[in-house]
Amino acid sequence: MSADTQKLFEDYVPEILEYDPKVDGSDEHKIRDEHLSTKENLLEKIRKAKAARKSNKTTFRQNIRTENES
């Protein structure tokens, strides 16, 4: 960082922002996570049922979620 840039940001204090549904939008992000969790659980249940139906053969799958997880 150059000296000019350091001078510019020397008294900078980041502020913490709160999520406000009235301002920022709806709760769609929560619903989406809920749907992904439900989908993951159902796919796991189906995988186990298929594996049980195939007797001793085990079915392996990659991770179900394709979105970035935090």
PDB file of N, CA and C in Angstrom:
ATOM      1  N   MET A   1       0.838  -1.170   0.000  1.00  0.00           N
ATOM      2  CA  MET A   1       0.000   0.000   0.000  1.00  0.00           C
ATOM      3  C   MET A   1       0.886   1.236   0.000  1.00  0.00           C
ATOM      4  N   SER A   2       0.535   2.185  -0.814  1.00  0.00           N
ATOM      5  CA  SER A   2       1.340   3.403  -0.878  1.00  0.00           C
ATOM      6  C   SER A   2       1.017   4.310   0.309  1.00  0.00           C
ATOM      7  N   ALA A   3       1.860   5.292   0.529  1.00  0.00           N
ATOM      8  CA  ALA A   3       1.694   6.210   1.651  1.00  0.00           C
ATOM      9  C   ALA A   3       0.406   7.019   1.509  1.00  0.00           C
ATOM     10  N   ASP A   4       0.064   7.406   0.269  1.00  0.00           N
ATOM     11  CA  ASP A   4      -1.174   8.166   0.051  1.00  0.00           C
ATOM     12  C   ASP A   4      -2.404   7.344   0.416  1.00  0.00           C
ATOM     13  N   THR A   5      -2.377   6.084   0.049  1.00  0.00           N
ATOM     14  CA  THR A   5      -3.509   5.209   0.338  1.00  0.00           C
ATOM     15  C   THR A   5      -3.624   4.968   1.838  1.00  0.00           C
ATOM     16  N   GLN A   6      -2.498   4.788   2.512  1.00  0.00           N
ATOM     17  CA  GLN A   6      -2.537   4.586   3.959  1.00  0.00           C
ATOM     18  C   GLN A   6      -3.097   5.819   4.665  1.00  0.00           C
ATOM     19  N   LYS A   7      -2.713   7.000   4.195  1.00  0.00           N
ATOM     20  CA  LYS A   7      -3.227   8.236   4.772  1.00  0.00           C
ATOM     21  C   LYS A   7      -4.745   8.335   4.592  1.00  0.00           C
ATOM     22  N   LEU A   8      -5.198   7.932   3.423  1.00  0.00           N
ATOM     23  CA  LEU A   8      -6.612   8.028   3.097  1.00  0.00           C
ATOM     24  C   LEU A   8      -7.461   7.153   4.022  1.00  0.00           C
ATOM     25  N   PHE A   9      -6.956   5.968   4.351  1.00  0.00           N
ATOM     26  CA  PHE A   9      -7.737   5.030   5.138  1.00  0.00           C
ATOM     27  C   PHE A   9      -7.296   4.913   6.602  1.00  0.00           C
ATOM     28  N   GLU A  10      -6.467   5.795   7.098  1.00  0.00           N
ATOM     29  CA  GLU A  10      -5.958   5.625   8.459  1.00  0.00           C
ATOM     30  C   GLU A  10      -7.036   5.795   9.530  1.00  0.00           C
ATOM     31  N   ASP A  11      -8.058   6.590   9.308  1.00  0.00           N
ATOM     32  CA  ASP A  11      -9.107   6.755  10.313  1.00  0.00           C
ATOM     33  C   ASP A  11     -10.419   6.077   9.891  1.00  0.00           C
ATOM     34  N   TYR A  12     -10.330   5.125   8.965  1.00  0.00           N
ATOM     35  CA  TYR A  12     -11.514   4.400   8.509  1.00  0.00           C
ATOM     36  C   TYR A  12     -11.917   3.356   9.541  1.00  0.00           C
ATOM     37  N   VAL A  13     -13.201   3.360   9.895  1.00  0.00           N
ATOM     38  CA  VAL A  13     -13.748   2.365  10.811  1.00  0.00           C
ATOM     39  C   VAL A  13     -14.925   1.705  10.103  1.00  0.00           C
ATOM     40  N   PRO A  14     -14.832   0.397   9.809  1.00  0.00           N
ATOM     41  CA  PRO A  14     -15.942  -0.260   9.118  1.00  0.00           C
ATOM     42  C   PRO A  14     -17.182  -0.318  10.014  1.00  0.00           C
ATOM     43  N   GLU A  15     -18.344  -0.127   9.402  1.00  0.00           N
ATOM     44  CA  GLU A  15     -19.574  -0.201  10.182  1.00  0.00           C
ATOM     45  C   GLU A  15     -20.246  -1.549   9.943  1.00  0.00           C
ATOM     46  N   ILE A  16     -20.923  -2.033  10.961  1.00  0.00           N
ATOM     47  CA  ILE A  16     -21.616  -3.311  10.870  1.00  0.00           C
ATOM     48  C   ILE A  16     -23.032  -3.032  10.383  1.00  0.00           C
ATOM     49  N   LEU A  17     -23.417  -3.702   9.293  1.00  0.00           N
ATOM     50  CA  LEU A  17     -24.738  -3.510   8.726  1.00  0.00           C
ATOM     51  C   LEU A  17     -25.670  -4.618   9.190  1.00  0.00           C
ATOM     52  N   GLU A  18     -26.877  -4.254   9.523  1.00  0.00           N
ATOM     53  CA  GLU A  18     -27.889  -5.212   9.935  1.00  0.00           C
ATOM     54  C   GLU A  18     -28.835  -5.481   8.775  1.00  0.00           C
ATOM     55  N   TYR A  19     -29.319  -6.694   8.672  1.00  0.00           N
ATOM     56  CA  TYR A  19     -30.279  -7.051   7.636  1.00  0.00           C
ATOM     57  C   TYR A  19     -31.656  -6.566   8.055  1.00  0.00           C
ATOM     58  N   ASP A  20     -32.296  -5.789   7.210  1.00  0.00           N
ATOM     59  CA  ASP A  20     -33.639  -5.285   7.462  1.00  0.00           C
ATOM     60  C   ASP A  20     -34.534  -5.728   6.310  1.00  0.00           C
ATOM     61  N   PRO A  21     -35.472  -6.644   6.542  1.00  0.00           N
ATOM     62  CA  PRO A  21     -36.304  -7.148   5.454  1.00  0.00           C
ATOM     63  C   PRO A  21     -37.107  -6.061   4.749  1.00  0.00           C
ATOM     64  N   LYS A  22     -37.492  -5.022   5.460  1.00  0.00           N
ATOM     65  CA  LYS A  22     -38.266  -3.940   4.838  1.00  0.00           C
ATOM     66  C   LYS A  22     -37.438  -3.196   3.798  1.00  0.00           C
ATOM     67  N   VAL A  23     -36.158  -3.066   4.080  1.00  0.00           N
ATOM     68  CA  VAL A  23     -35.276  -2.319   3.184  1.00  0.00           C
ATOM     69  C   VAL A  23     -34.617  -3.244   2.159  1.00  0.00           C
ATOM     70  N   ASP A  24     -34.122  -4.393   2.621  1.00  0.00           N
ATOM     71  CA  ASP A  24     -33.293  -5.260   1.784  1.00  0.00           C
ATOM     72  C   ASP A  24     -34.064  -6.290   0.966  1.00  0.00           C
ATOM     73  N   GLY A  25     -35.320  -6.482   1.257  1.00  0.00           N
ATOM     74  CA  GLY A  25     -36.083  -7.460   0.480  1.00  0.00           C
ATOM     75  C   GLY A  25     -36.755  -8.481   1.366  1.00  0.00           C
ATOM     76  N   SER A  26     -37.083  -9.600   0.794  1.00  0.00           N
ATOM     77  CA  SER A  26     -37.848 -10.614   1.513  1.00  0.00           C
ATOM     78  C   SER A  26     -36.933 -11.665   2.144  1.00  0.00           C
ATOM     79  N   ASP A  27     -37.572 -12.711   2.619  1.00  0.00           N
ATOM     80  CA  ASP A  27     -36.845 -13.808   3.265  1.00  0.00           C
ATOM     81  C   ASP A  27     -36.565 -14.939   2.289  1.00  0.00           C
ATOM     82  N   GLU A  28     -36.437 -14.629   1.005  1.00  0.00           N
ATOM     83  CA  GLU A  28     -36.235 -15.667  -0.003  1.00  0.00           C
ATOM     84  C   GLU A  28     -34.978 -16.474   0.243  1.00  0.00           C
ATOM     85  N   HIS A  29     -33.937 -15.824   0.776  1.00  0.00           N
ATOM     86  CA  HIS A  29     -32.690 -16.547   1.018  1.00  0.00           C
ATOM     87  C   HIS A  29     -32.887 -17.652   2.050  1.00  0.00           C
ATOM     88  N   LYS A  30     -33.767 -17.434   3.019  1.00  0.00           N
ATOM     89  CA  LYS A  30     -34.046 -18.458   4.029  1.00  0.00           C
ATOM     90  C   LYS A  30     -34.842 -19.607   3.412  1.00  0.00           C
ATOM     91  N   ILE A  31     -35.811 -19.266   2.575  1.00  0.00           N
ATOM     92  CA  ILE A  31     -36.636 -20.283   1.926  1.00  0.00           C
ATOM     93  C   ILE A  31     -35.770 -21.155   1.037  1.00  0.00           C
ATOM     94  N   ARG A  32     -34.852 -20.545   0.312  1.00  0.00           N
ATOM     95  CA  ARG A  32     -33.976 -21.284  -0.596  1.00  0.00           C
ATOM     96  C   ARG A  32     -33.130 -22.303   0.175  1.00  0.00           C
ATOM     97  N   ASP A  33     -32.565 -21.878   1.311  1.00  0.00           N
ATOM     98  CA  ASP A  33     -31.768 -22.800   2.130  1.00  0.00           C
ATOM     99  C   ASP A  33     -32.625 -23.955   2.646  1.00  0.00           C
ATOM    100  N   GLU A  34     -33.869 -23.630   3.019  1.00  0.00           N
ATOM    101  CA  GLU A  34     -34.792 -24.652   3.494  1.00  0.00           C
ATOM    102  C   GLU A  34     -35.066 -25.682   2.393  1.00  0.00           C
ATOM    103  N   HIS A  35     -35.310 -25.195   1.184  1.00  0.00           N
ATOM    104  CA  HIS A  35     -35.586 -26.089   0.057  1.00  0.00           C
ATOM    105  C   HIS A  35     -34.382 -26.973  -0.246  1.00  0.00           C
ATOM    106  N   LEU A  36     -33.186 -26.396  -0.186  1.00  0.00           N
ATOM    107  CA  LEU A  36     -31.985 -27.178  -0.464  1.00  0.00           C
ATOM    108  C   LEU A  36     -31.782 -28.262   0.593  1.00  0.00           C
ATOM    109  N   SER A  37     -32.058 -27.941   1.838  1.00  0.00           N
ATOM    110  CA  SER A  37     -31.916 -28.933   2.907  1.00  0.00           C
ATOM    111  C   SER A  37     -32.925 -30.056   2.733  1.00  0.00           C
ATOM    112  N   THR A  38     -34.162 -29.688   2.403  1.00  0.00           N
ATOM    113  CA  THR A  38     -35.197 -30.694   2.172  1.00  0.00           C
ATOM    114  C   THR A  38     -34.824 -31.589   0.998  1.00  0.00           C
ATOM    115  N   LYS A  39     -34.338 -30.964  -0.071  1.00  0.00           N
ATOM    116  CA  LYS A  39     -33.928 -31.723  -1.253  1.00  0.00           C
ATOM    117  C   LYS A  39     -32.802 -32.685  -0.901  1.00  0.00           C
ATOM    118  N   GLU A  40     -31.833 -32.203  -0.140  1.00  0.00           N
ATOM    119  CA  GLU A  40     -30.705 -33.042   0.262  1.00  0.00           C
ATOM    120  C   GLU A  40     -31.191 -34.244   1.079  1.00  0.00           C
ATOM    121  N   ASN A  41     -32.104 -33.997   2.020  1.00  0.00           N
ATOM    122  CA  ASN A  41     -32.626 -35.085   2.853  1.00  0.00           C
ATOM    123  C   ASN A  41     -33.401 -36.102   2.027  1.00  0.00           C
ATOM    124  N   LEU A  42     -34.228 -35.623   1.099  1.00  0.00           N
ATOM    125  CA  LEU A  42     -35.010 -36.533   0.265  1.00  0.00           C
ATOM    126  C   LEU A  42     -34.118 -37.355  -0.658  1.00  0.00           C
ATOM    127  N   LEU A  43     -33.113 -36.727  -1.239  1.00  0.00           N
ATOM    128  CA  LEU A  43     -32.202 -37.464  -2.109  1.00  0.00           C
ATOM    129  C   LEU A  43     -31.417 -38.524  -1.332  1.00  0.00           C
ATOM    130  N   GLU A  44     -31.053 -38.214  -0.112  1.00  0.00           N
ATOM    131  CA  GLU A  44     -30.360 -39.187   0.736  1.00  0.00           C
ATOM    132  C   GLU A  44     -31.282 -40.365   1.045  1.00  0.00           C
ATOM    133  N   LYS A  45     -32.556 -40.067   1.317  1.00  0.00           N
ATOM    134  CA  LYS A  45     -33.537 -41.112   1.598  1.00  0.00           C
ATOM    135  C   LYS A  45     -33.727 -42.012   0.370  1.00  0.00           C
ATOM    136  N   ILE A  46     -33.804 -41.408  -0.808  1.00  0.00           N
ATOM    137  CA  ILE A  46     -33.952 -42.175  -2.055  1.00  0.00           C
ATOM    138  C   ILE A  46     -32.713 -43.021  -2.305  1.00  0.00           C
ATOM    139  N   ARG A  47     -31.531 -42.443  -2.060  1.00  0.00           N
ATOM    140  CA  ARG A  47     -30.288 -43.186  -2.266  1.00  0.00           C
ATOM    141  C   ARG A  47     -30.245 -44.423  -1.378  1.00  0.00           C
ATOM    142  N   LYS A  48     -30.656 -44.264  -0.132  1.00  0.00           N
ATOM    143  CA  LYS A  48     -30.653 -45.404   0.796  1.00  0.00           C
ATOM    144  C   LYS A  48     -31.670 -46.454   0.378  1.00  0.00           C
ATOM    145  N   ALA A  49     -32.833 -46.006  -0.105  1.00  0.00           N
ATOM    146  CA  ALA A  49     -33.859 -46.948  -0.543  1.00  0.00           C
ATOM    147  C   ALA A  49     -33.375 -47.731  -1.764  1.00  0.00           C
ATOM    148  N   LYS A  50     -32.723 -47.052  -2.691  1.00  0.00           N
ATOM    149  CA  LYS A  50     -32.187 -47.729  -3.884  1.00  0.00           C
ATOM    150  C   LYS A  50     -31.106 -48.722  -3.488  1.00  0.00           C
ATOM    151  N   ALA A  51     -30.240 -48.326  -2.552  1.00  0.00           N
ATOM    152  CA  ALA A  51     -29.169 -49.212  -2.108  1.00  0.00           C
ATOM    153  C   ALA A  51     -29.746 -50.444  -1.417  1.00  0.00           C
ATOM    154  N   ALA A  52     -30.800 -50.253  -0.630  1.00  0.00           N
ATOM    155  CA  ALA A  52     -31.433 -51.378   0.058  1.00  0.00           C
ATOM    156  C   ALA A  52     -32.089 -52.315  -0.956  1.00  0.00           C
ATOM    157  N   ARG A  53     -32.665 -51.738  -2.000  1.00  0.00           N
ATOM    158  CA  ARG A  53     -33.324 -52.541  -3.019  1.00  0.00           C
ATOM    159  C   ARG A  53     -32.315 -53.349  -3.831  1.00  0.00           C
ATOM    160  N   LYS A  54     -31.102 -52.840  -3.957  1.00  0.00           N
ATOM    161  CA  LYS A  54     -30.064 -53.533  -4.725  1.00  0.00           C
ATOM    162  C   LYS A  54     -29.315 -54.547  -3.882  1.00  0.00           C
ATOM    163  N   SER A  55     -29.780 -54.785  -2.673  1.00  0.00           N
ATOM    164  CA  SER A  55     -29.178 -55.755  -1.773  1.00  0.00           C
ATOM    165  C   SER A  55     -27.891 -55.203  -1.189  1.00  0.00           C
ATOM    166  N   ASN A  56     -26.763 -55.830  -1.461  1.00  0.00           N
ATOM    167  CA  ASN A  56     -25.500 -55.406  -0.857  1.00  0.00           C
ATOM    168  C   ASN A  56     -24.755 -54.363  -1.678  1.00  0.00           C
ATOM    169  N   LYS A  57     -25.266 -54.014  -2.834  1.00  0.00           N
ATOM    170  CA  LYS A  57     -24.596 -53.013  -3.663  1.00  0.00           C
ATOM    171  C   LYS A  57     -24.825 -51.628  -3.062  1.00  0.00           C
ATOM    172  N   THR A  58     -23.773 -50.879  -2.896  1.00  0.00           N
ATOM    173  CA  THR A  58     -23.874 -49.538  -2.342  1.00  0.00           C
ATOM    174  C   THR A  58     -23.765 -48.516  -3.465  1.00  0.00           C
ATOM    175  N   THR A  59     -24.615 -47.504  -3.408  1.00  0.00           N
ATOM    176  CA  THR A  59     -24.590 -46.433  -4.398  1.00  0.00           C
ATOM    177  C   THR A  59     -23.865 -45.249  -3.799  1.00  0.00           C
ATOM    178  N   PHE A  60     -22.835 -44.777  -4.468  1.00  0.00           N
ATOM    179  CA  PHE A  60     -22.094 -43.611  -3.991  1.00  0.00           C
ATOM    180  C   PHE A  60     -22.438 -42.415  -4.866  1.00  0.00           C
ATOM    181  N   ARG A  61     -22.592 -41.284  -4.240  1.00  0.00           N
ATOM    182  CA  ARG A  61     -22.903 -40.050  -4.965  1.00  0.00           C
ATOM    183  C   ARG A  61     -21.942 -38.958  -4.544  1.00  0.00           C
ATOM    184  N   GLN A  62     -21.833 -37.971  -5.413  1.00  0.00           N
ATOM    185  CA  GLN A  62     -21.073 -36.776  -5.067  1.00  0.00           C
ATOM    186  C   GLN A  62     -21.936 -35.927  -4.132  1.00  0.00           C
ATOM    187  N   ASN A  63     -21.394 -34.820  -3.646  1.00  0.00           N
ATOM    188  CA  ASN A  63     -22.156 -33.919  -2.806  1.00  0.00           C
ATOM    189  C   ASN A  63     -23.392 -33.442  -3.554  1.00  0.00           C
ATOM    190  N   ILE A  64     -24.484 -33.332  -2.830  1.00  0.00           N
ATOM    191  CA  ILE A  64     -25.759 -32.987  -3.443  1.00  0.00           C
ATOM    192  C   ILE A  64     -25.820 -31.498  -3.767  1.00  0.00           C
ATOM    193  N   ARG A  65     -25.382 -30.645  -2.852  1.00  0.00           N
ATOM    194  CA  ARG A  65     -25.472 -29.199  -3.065  1.00  0.00           C
ATOM    195  C   ARG A  65     -24.402 -28.751  -4.056  1.00  0.00           C
ATOM    196  N   THR A  66     -24.827 -27.917  -4.975  1.00  0.00           N
ATOM    197  CA  THR A  66     -23.880 -27.381  -5.939  1.00  0.00           C
ATOM    198  C   THR A  66     -23.609 -25.911  -5.690  1.00  0.00           C
ATOM    199  N   GLU A  67     -24.359 -25.307  -4.775  1.00  0.00           N
ATOM    200  CA  GLU A  67     -24.166 -23.896  -4.447  1.00  0.00           C
ATOM    201  C   GLU A  67     -23.002 -23.746  -3.484  1.00  0.00           C
ATOM    202  N   ASN A  68     -22.507 -22.552  -3.386  1.00  0.00           N
ATOM    203  CA  ASN A  68     -21.418 -22.272  -2.441  1.00  0.00           C
ATOM    204  C   ASN A  68     -21.974 -22.342  -1.034  1.00  0.00           C
ATOM    205  N   GLU A  69     -21.293 -23.057  -0.159  1.00  0.00           N
ATOM    206  CA  GLU A  69     -21.727 -23.179   1.224  1.00  0.00           C
ATOM    207  C   GLU A  69     -20.812 -22.348   2.090  1.00  0.00           C
ATOM    208  N   SER A  70     -21.393 -21.792   3.128  1.00  0.00           N
ATOM    209  CA  SER A  70     -20.575 -20.972   4.021  1.00  0.00           C
ATOM    210  C   SER A  70     -20.187 -21.737   5.240  1.00  0.00           C
TER     211      SER A  70
END
